[in-house]
Amino acid sequence: MYVKTMKIKEFLGSTVLDKNAYEVGKVSNVDFDVDTGKIENITLTLQKNIFSRDELEISFDDVATIGAYVILSKEIPKEAEAEAEEAEEEAKTVEVTIEDE
């Protein structure tokens, strides 16, 4: 049996596709169990436009294969990206009250 290994630095930055081969983003972080060494979650950076990015955490159980691309076993709905964008817009909104003396 042949087992291929990959270094974390090779994995970071990998392009991630959902089960429909739609490009979701890139791997930006990896969470693993320090006792077992098992990867538990990966964080994806979702590219919205040239100036704006969001992150999405995915369970490693949702990864189908790793090779030239990281392919997920599930679909990432556009709503997830829209919700992340909406949350970012809400975070930018600041209410200011000016009182006259």
Protein backbone atom coordinates (compact mmCIF):
# COMPACT_ATOMS: atom_id res chain seq x y z
CA MET A 1 0.00 0.00 0.00
CA TYR A 2 1.34 3.43 -1.01
CA VAL A 3 0.77 6.34 1.39
CA LYS A 4 1.50 9.83 0.13
CA THR A 5 2.38 12.48 2.67
CA MET A 6 1.96 16.23 2.40
CA LYS A 7 3.47 18.97 4.50
CA ILE A 8 1.13 21.52 6.05
CA LYS A 9 2.89 24.33 4.18
CA GLU A 10 2.03 22.54 0.91
CA PHE A 11 -1.60 22.18 2.02
CA LEU A 12 -1.99 25.85 3.01
CA GLY A 13 -3.00 27.92 0.00
CA SER A 14 -4.50 24.94 -1.85
CA THR A 15 -7.53 25.73 -4.00
CA VAL A 16 -10.74 24.24 -2.59
CA LEU A 17 -13.59 23.01 -4.78
CA ASP A 18 -17.03 21.91 -3.58
CA LYS A 19 -18.62 18.65 -4.76
CA ASN A 20 -19.89 20.41 -7.91
CA ALA A 21 -16.34 21.57 -8.78
CA TYR A 22 -17.22 25.18 -7.92
CA GLU A 23 -14.17 27.04 -6.62
CA VAL A 24 -14.89 27.94 -3.01
CA GLY A 25 -11.62 29.49 -1.86
CA LYS A 26 -8.19 28.56 -0.55
CA VAL A 27 -7.01 26.75 2.59
CA SER A 28 -5.81 29.43 5.02
CA ASN A 29 -5.54 27.52 8.31
CA VAL A 30 -5.58 23.99 9.71
CA ASP A 31 -6.76 22.94 13.19
CA PHE A 32 -5.52 19.60 14.47
CA ASP A 33 -5.64 17.53 17.64
CA VAL A 34 -2.24 17.85 19.30
CA ASP A 35 -2.54 14.42 20.92
CA THR A 36 -3.42 12.42 17.79
CA GLY A 37 -2.14 14.71 15.03
CA LYS A 38 -5.50 14.29 13.26
CA ILE A 39 -6.74 17.31 11.29
CA GLU A 40 -10.11 18.38 12.67
CA ASN A 41 -11.01 21.54 10.72
CA ILE A 42 -9.71 23.62 7.87
CA THR A 43 -10.35 27.31 7.40
CA LEU A 44 -11.07 28.56 3.91
CA THR A 45 -10.54 32.09 2.71
CA LEU A 46 -13.41 32.99 0.38
CA GLN A 47 -12.45 35.53 -2.26
CA LYS A 48 -15.34 37.98 -2.72
CA ASN A 49 -13.50 40.63 -4.67
CA ILE A 50 -10.04 42.13 -4.88
CA PHE A 51 -10.38 44.03 -1.57
CA SER A 52 -12.66 41.80 0.49
CA ARG A 53 -12.32 38.29 1.89
CA ASP A 54 -14.25 36.12 4.33
CA GLU A 55 -13.38 32.93 6.14
CA LEU A 56 -15.35 29.72 6.48
CA GLU A 57 -14.45 26.81 8.77
CA ILE A 58 -15.07 23.30 7.40
CA SER A 59 -14.84 19.99 9.24
CA PHE A 60 -12.06 17.81 7.83
CA ASP A 61 -14.69 15.04 7.59
CA ASP A 62 -16.17 17.07 4.69
CA VAL A 63 -12.97 16.71 2.64
CA ALA A 64 -13.39 14.05 -0.05
CA THR A 65 -9.91 14.13 -1.62
CA ILE A 66 -6.67 16.06 -1.54
CA GLY A 67 -4.47 16.32 -4.59
CA ALA A 68 -3.97 19.15 -7.06
CA TYR A 69 -7.14 20.54 -5.44
CA VAL A 70 -8.88 20.00 -2.12
CA ILE A 71 -12.29 18.63 -3.07
CA LEU A 72 -15.14 18.72 -0.57
CA SER A 73 -17.83 16.06 -0.28
CA LYS A 74 -20.49 18.74 0.07
CA GLU A 75 -21.77 21.80 -1.70
CA ILE A 76 -21.03 25.24 -0.29
CA PRO A 77 -24.19 27.26 -0.94
CA LYS A 78 -23.94 30.83 -2.17
CA GLU A 79 -25.99 31.78 0.92
CA ALA A 80 -22.95 31.05 3.11
CA GLU A 81 -20.96 33.59 1.15
CA ALA A 82 -23.86 36.07 1.21
CA GLU A 83 -24.27 35.69 4.99
CA ALA A 84 -20.56 36.31 5.52
CA GLU A 85 -20.77 39.42 3.34
CA GLU A 86 -23.83 40.69 5.23
CA ALA A 87 -22.08 40.18 8.58
CA GLU A 88 -19.08 42.12 7.30
CA GLU A 89 -21.31 45.01 6.21
CA GLU A 90 -23.02 45.08 9.63
CA ALA A 91 -19.61 45.18 11.31
CA LYS A 92 -18.72 48.25 9.23
CA THR A 93 -21.86 50.14 10.29
CA VAL A 94 -21.24 52.48 13.20
CA GLU A 95 -23.91 54.62 14.84
CA VAL A 96 -22.73 58.04 16.02
CA THR A 97 -24.74 60.44 18.18
CA ILE A 98 -23.70 64.08 18.39
CA GLU A 99 -25.22 66.19 21.14
CA ASP A 100 -25.37 69.97 21.02
CA GLU A 101 -24.25 71.78 24.12
